[in-house]
Amino acid sequence: MSILANEKDDHDHGWIKCDLHIHTLDDPTDVIDYYAHQLLARARALGFGALAITLHDAVFDRREAFAEAAAMGMLLISAAEMRIEGADIILLNVRSEEVAGLKTFDDVRALRARRGLSIFTIAPHPFYVLGGSIGKRLLPEIDCFDAIELCHFHRGLFNPNWRAARVATRYGKPLIATSDAHRLHAFGSHYTSLPAPAELTIENFFAALRHGPLRLTSPPCSLADFLSAVYFVFVAHPFRKHRGHVDVSERAEHASSVREPAGRP
C-alpha cells in the first residue's frame, strides 16, 4: 500500500527515507556536476536510510562509496538505469556483468527468474513523453517490474503520474517516489518512506518495498523549480553534453581523488 505523506510524517520514529533513482558524476551518459560522496553527505544530513545511484547503462560500483555509506549507517544499493528496447528500467542489487547482456525484456525476465526476490525493478517516469519512458508498452511488459515510479516532475494539471498510479493499482504494484536527481539541490524533497526493518539488509529492505506500507513524499514543483527544470533539460544539459564538459574518464578519476569535509551537505 502506498500513501501520500505529509511533511510531518517524514520525521516519525521507526521509518526510514529512501531514494532509489539518483544520478552522479560517474554517469556515462548525462553530464552531472556532483560526486557520490557529496550525495552521501547530503543524504546523511537529511536523514536518509537507503539510496540507489542509478547510472545510465552502467552499475555504480565504487567500493569507497559503499564503505562510506555503511559507515554512515545507510544502505547503498548497487543499481543501474538500463535502456531496454528503447525504454528505461531501474534494476536494484545487480552486478555489471548481469546488466551488460540485457538487450530485450525477455532478457530481463530471464534475469528475474534467476535472481528471484534478490533483485528489485522499477519502471521510471513511465508516462512522460521525453527520455526513455516506456509509455503504453508498460502493460504488456508489466511482469518485468516490481514497482512503478511516481516521478518528481509534476505541477498542477501537468502530472502524468495519474496514469502510473492507475496502472499500479490495477496490477497491485507499489508506487515509489524518487528524485531522479541530476543536480544536488534536487535531491532530498522527493522520496519514499517505509517502516525500518529490524536489520537493514537488502532482503529486508526489498520485502518492505514489496509489502508496504509506503509513504510517498513528492510535492508539486514550484513555478521556479518547474522553469529551472525545463531550462536544465532543454538548454543547460544539452549545451554541457555538446561541449563535452569533462571527459568521462577524467570525471571518474576525479571522483576517486576529491573528497569534501565529512558531514558537509
Protein backbone atom coordinates (compact mmCIF):
# COMPACT_ATOMS: atom_id res chain seq x y z
CA MET A 1 0.00 0.00 0.00
CA SER A 2 1.30 3.47 -0.92
CA ILE A 3 0.00 6.71 0.54
CA LEU A 4 0.96 10.33 0.02
CA ALA A 5 2.71 11.62 3.11
CA ASN A 6 2.53 14.92 4.89
CA GLU A 7 5.85 16.61 5.56
CA LYS A 8 5.46 16.00 9.30
CA ASP A 9 5.33 12.25 8.64
CA ASP A 10 8.94 12.32 7.43
CA HIS A 11 10.20 12.59 10.99
CA ASP A 12 8.18 9.76 12.52
CA HIS A 13 10.35 7.40 14.54
CA GLY A 14 10.64 3.91 13.13
CA TRP A 15 10.52 4.95 9.47
CA ILE A 16 13.38 5.40 7.03
CA LYS A 17 13.61 7.55 3.92
CA CYS A 18 14.91 6.15 0.64
CA ASP A 19 15.58 7.45 -2.86
CA LEU A 20 16.12 4.77 -5.48
CA HIS A 21 16.71 6.84 -8.62
CA ILE A 22 19.69 9.20 -8.49
CA HIS A 23 22.49 10.11 -10.91
CA THR A 24 26.01 11.27 -10.04
CA LEU A 25 29.11 12.48 -11.83
CA ASP A 26 30.05 8.87 -12.67
CA ASP A 27 27.15 8.68 -15.14
CA PRO A 28 28.50 7.75 -18.58
CA THR A 29 25.61 9.40 -20.44
CA ASP A 30 24.48 12.52 -18.60
CA VAL A 31 26.68 15.41 -17.51
CA ILE A 32 26.37 15.62 -13.72
CA ASP A 33 28.36 18.06 -11.57
CA TYR A 34 28.38 16.41 -8.13
CA TYR A 35 30.14 13.40 -6.68
CA ALA A 36 28.80 10.37 -4.87
CA HIS A 37 30.41 11.46 -1.60
CA GLN A 38 28.62 14.82 -1.85
CA LEU A 39 25.34 12.98 -2.32
CA LEU A 40 26.04 10.76 0.70
CA ALA A 41 26.85 13.75 2.88
CA ARG A 42 23.62 15.47 1.89
CA ALA A 43 21.65 12.26 2.41
CA ARG A 44 23.05 11.83 5.91
CA ALA A 45 22.22 15.44 6.77
CA LEU A 46 18.64 14.91 5.56
CA GLY A 47 18.16 11.64 7.42
CA PHE A 48 18.04 9.12 4.57
CA GLY A 49 18.46 5.43 5.32
CA ALA A 50 18.78 3.88 1.84
CA LEU A 51 19.90 5.08 -1.59
CA ALA A 52 20.47 3.73 -5.07
CA ILE A 53 22.77 5.51 -7.53
CA THR A 54 21.34 4.56 -10.91
CA LEU A 55 23.79 5.39 -13.67
CA HIS A 56 22.57 5.12 -17.24
CA ASP A 57 23.52 1.74 -18.71
CA ALA A 58 26.14 1.12 -16.02
CA VAL A 59 26.24 -0.18 -12.46
CA PHE A 60 27.64 2.17 -9.84
CA ASP A 61 30.30 0.11 -8.07
CA ARG A 62 32.71 2.46 -6.28
CA ARG A 63 33.79 0.48 -3.21
CA GLU A 64 34.78 3.59 -1.30
CA ALA A 65 31.25 4.99 -1.66
CA PHE A 66 29.68 1.77 -0.32
CA ALA A 67 32.11 1.81 2.61
CA GLU A 68 31.32 5.47 3.27
CA ALA A 69 27.57 4.79 3.22
CA ALA A 70 27.94 1.84 5.58
CA ALA A 71 29.96 3.98 8.00
CA MET A 72 27.07 6.46 7.97
CA GLY A 73 24.56 3.69 8.70
CA MET A 74 22.99 3.93 5.23
CA LEU A 75 22.17 1.13 2.82
CA LEU A 76 23.68 1.92 -0.60
CA ILE A 77 22.34 -0.46 -3.26
CA SER A 78 24.22 -1.36 -6.44
CA ALA A 79 21.95 -0.36 -9.29
CA ALA A 80 21.59 0.83 -12.88
CA GLU A 81 19.06 2.54 -15.13
CA MET A 82 19.19 0.50 -18.32
CA ARG A 83 17.71 1.33 -21.72
CA ILE A 84 15.97 -1.85 -22.91
CA GLU A 85 14.27 -1.85 -26.31
CA GLY A 86 14.10 1.94 -26.13
CA ALA A 87 12.60 2.04 -22.62
CA ASP A 88 14.25 2.66 -19.25
CA ILE A 89 14.18 0.22 -16.37
CA ILE A 90 15.79 0.59 -12.95
CA LEU A 91 17.40 -2.57 -11.60
CA LEU A 92 18.43 -2.74 -7.95
CA ASN A 93 21.04 -5.09 -6.47
CA VAL A 94 22.60 -6.12 -9.77
CA ARG A 95 26.16 -6.62 -10.98
CA SER A 96 27.83 -5.13 -14.04
CA GLU A 97 28.13 -8.48 -15.78
CA GLU A 98 24.41 -9.14 -15.30
CA VAL A 99 23.20 -5.93 -16.91
CA ALA A 100 25.77 -5.96 -19.73
CA GLY A 101 23.82 -8.66 -21.54
CA LEU A 102 20.37 -7.11 -21.17
CA LYS A 103 19.06 -6.28 -24.63
CA THR A 104 15.40 -7.24 -24.50
CA PHE A 105 12.64 -7.53 -21.93
CA ASP A 106 12.89 -11.29 -22.31
CA ASP A 107 16.47 -10.92 -21.06
CA VAL A 108 15.07 -9.05 -18.05
CA ARG A 109 12.57 -11.86 -17.47
CA ALA A 110 15.38 -14.41 -17.55
CA LEU A 111 17.42 -12.38 -15.05
CA ARG A 112 14.42 -12.05 -12.74
CA ALA A 113 13.81 -15.80 -12.97
CA ARG A 114 17.43 -16.50 -11.96
CA ARG A 115 17.60 -13.95 -9.16
CA GLY A 116 14.08 -14.16 -7.75
CA LEU A 117 13.35 -11.78 -4.88
CA SER A 118 17.01 -10.74 -4.55
CA ILE A 119 16.59 -8.01 -7.19
CA PHE A 120 14.00 -5.25 -7.49
CA THR A 121 12.95 -3.46 -10.67
CA ILE A 122 11.16 -0.13 -11.17
CA ALA A 123 9.52 1.47 -14.22
CA PRO A 124 10.84 5.06 -14.10
CA HIS A 125 8.74 8.05 -15.29
CA PRO A 126 6.60 5.61 -17.33
CA PHE A 127 4.17 8.05 -18.96
CA TYR A 128 6.36 11.08 -19.56
CA VAL A 129 6.99 11.98 -23.20
CA LEU A 130 10.72 12.63 -23.21
CA GLY A 131 13.59 10.27 -22.45
CA GLY A 132 13.18 6.52 -22.20
CA SER A 133 9.66 6.39 -20.84
CA ILE A 134 8.04 3.06 -21.59
CA GLY A 135 4.55 4.51 -22.09
CA LYS A 136 1.73 2.18 -23.08
CA ARG A 137 4.22 -0.68 -23.50
CA LEU A 138 4.26 -0.88 -19.71
CA LEU A 139 1.16 -3.06 -19.79
CA PRO A 140 2.50 -5.95 -21.92
CA GLU A 141 5.83 -5.79 -20.05
CA ILE A 142 4.33 -5.32 -16.58
CA ASP A 143 5.70 -8.66 -15.35
CA CYS A 144 9.22 -7.22 -15.70
CA PHE A 145 8.58 -4.66 -12.95
CA ASP A 146 8.20 -4.87 -9.19
CA ALA A 147 7.16 -1.23 -8.81
CA ILE A 148 6.26 1.92 -10.70
CA GLU A 149 7.85 5.29 -10.15
CA LEU A 150 5.99 8.38 -9.00
CA CYS A 151 8.02 10.92 -10.98
CA HIS A 152 9.13 14.09 -9.21
CA PHE A 153 8.33 16.41 -12.15
CA HIS A 154 4.70 17.45 -11.81
CA ARG A 155 2.75 20.64 -11.31
CA GLY A 156 -0.99 21.28 -11.41
CA LEU A 157 -2.63 19.79 -14.48
CA PHE A 158 0.76 18.59 -15.74
CA ASN A 159 1.01 15.29 -13.91
CA PRO A 160 1.36 12.08 -15.95
CA ASN A 161 1.70 10.24 -12.64
CA TRP A 162 -2.06 9.71 -12.53
CA ARG A 163 -1.66 7.09 -15.26
CA ALA A 164 1.18 5.44 -13.34
CA ALA A 165 -0.98 5.31 -10.21
CA ARG A 166 -3.84 3.74 -12.13
CA VAL A 167 -1.60 1.01 -13.57
CA ALA A 168 -0.03 0.40 -10.14
CA THR A 169 -3.47 -0.10 -8.62
CA ARG A 170 -4.64 -2.33 -11.46
CA TYR A 171 -1.66 -4.68 -11.20
CA GLY A 172 -1.01 -4.46 -7.47
CA LYS A 173 2.39 -2.79 -7.83
CA PRO A 174 3.72 -0.30 -5.27
CA LEU A 175 4.36 3.29 -6.30
CA ILE A 176 7.87 4.50 -5.44
CA ALA A 177 8.57 8.24 -5.18
CA THR A 178 12.08 9.27 -6.26
CA SER A 179 14.03 12.41 -7.11
CA ASP A 180 15.75 11.25 -10.34
CA ALA A 181 18.27 13.87 -9.22
CA HIS A 182 20.67 15.24 -11.83
CA ARG A 183 21.54 18.28 -9.66
CA LEU A 184 22.43 18.01 -6.00
CA HIS A 185 19.84 20.51 -4.79
CA ALA A 186 17.15 18.39 -6.46
CA PHE A 187 17.85 15.54 -4.06
CA GLY A 188 16.01 15.39 -0.75
CA SER A 189 12.46 16.57 -1.43
CA HIS A 190 11.10 13.55 -3.30
CA TYR A 191 11.41 10.15 -1.65
CA THR A 192 9.68 7.08 -0.25
CA SER A 193 9.44 6.25 3.45
CA LEU A 194 8.93 2.79 4.89
CA PRO A 195 8.98 1.13 8.32
CA ALA A 196 12.56 0.48 9.33
CA PRO A 197 13.36 -3.26 9.18
CA ALA A 198 14.78 -4.84 12.32
CA GLU A 199 18.02 -5.22 10.33
CA LEU A 200 18.66 -3.02 7.30
CA THR A 201 19.64 -5.67 4.77
CA ILE A 202 18.87 -5.87 1.06
CA GLU A 203 16.50 -8.77 1.67
CA ASN A 204 14.56 -7.00 4.41
CA PHE A 205 14.51 -3.71 2.52
CA PHE A 206 13.08 -5.29 -0.64
CA ALA A 207 10.46 -7.14 1.40
CA ALA A 208 9.38 -3.83 2.94
CA LEU A 209 9.15 -2.23 -0.51
CA ARG A 210 7.05 -5.08 -1.85
CA HIS A 211 4.64 -5.37 1.06
CA GLY A 212 4.47 -1.84 2.46
CA PRO A 213 3.09 0.28 3.88
CA LEU A 214 4.90 3.05 2.00
CA ARG A 215 4.67 6.81 2.34
CA LEU A 216 5.34 8.90 -0.76
CA THR A 217 6.70 12.42 -0.44
CA SER A 218 6.57 14.22 -3.78
CA PRO A 219 5.44 17.85 -3.57
CA PRO A 220 4.42 19.68 -6.74
CA CYS A 221 7.15 21.72 -8.38
CA SER A 222 7.13 25.39 -7.52
CA LEU A 223 6.96 27.64 -10.57
CA ALA A 224 10.64 28.49 -10.09
CA ASP A 225 11.60 24.80 -9.85
CA PHE A 226 9.46 23.95 -12.86
CA LEU A 227 11.08 26.65 -15.03
CA SER A 228 14.54 25.74 -13.71
CA ALA A 229 14.00 22.07 -14.61
CA VAL A 230 12.76 22.99 -18.10
CA TYR A 231 15.82 25.19 -18.60
CA PHE A 232 18.15 22.45 -17.39
CA VAL A 233 16.59 19.73 -19.57
CA PHE A 234 16.28 21.74 -22.78
CA VAL A 235 19.14 24.26 -22.58
CA ALA A 236 21.81 23.77 -19.93
CA HIS A 237 22.24 20.00 -20.09
CA PRO A 238 22.26 19.72 -23.93
CA PHE A 239 24.85 22.52 -24.02
CA ARG A 240 27.02 20.71 -21.48
CA LYS A 241 26.82 17.48 -23.45
CA HIS A 242 27.59 19.25 -26.72
CA ARG A 243 30.58 21.00 -25.18
CA GLY A 244 31.81 17.72 -23.78
CA HIS A 245 32.11 19.25 -20.30
CA VAL A 246 34.67 16.88 -18.73
CA ASP A 247 35.78 13.62 -20.27
CA VAL A 248 34.12 10.65 -18.55
CA SER A 249 37.43 9.05 -17.62
CA GLU A 250 38.65 12.34 -16.13
CA ARG A 251 35.44 12.68 -14.15
CA ALA A 252 35.74 9.14 -12.83
CA GLU A 253 39.37 9.68 -11.78
CA HIS A 254 38.50 13.00 -10.17
CA ALA A 255 35.60 11.44 -8.28
CA SER A 256 38.03 8.98 -6.69
CA SER A 257 40.54 11.63 -5.64
CA VAL A 258 38.35 14.51 -4.44
CA ARG A 259 36.67 14.46 -1.05
CA GLU A 260 34.67 17.09 0.83
CA PRO A 261 34.81 17.58 4.60
CA ALA A 262 32.80 14.89 6.40
CA GLY A 263 29.23 15.85 7.17
CA ARG A 264 29.08 18.76 4.75
CA PRO A 265 25.67 18.78 2.95
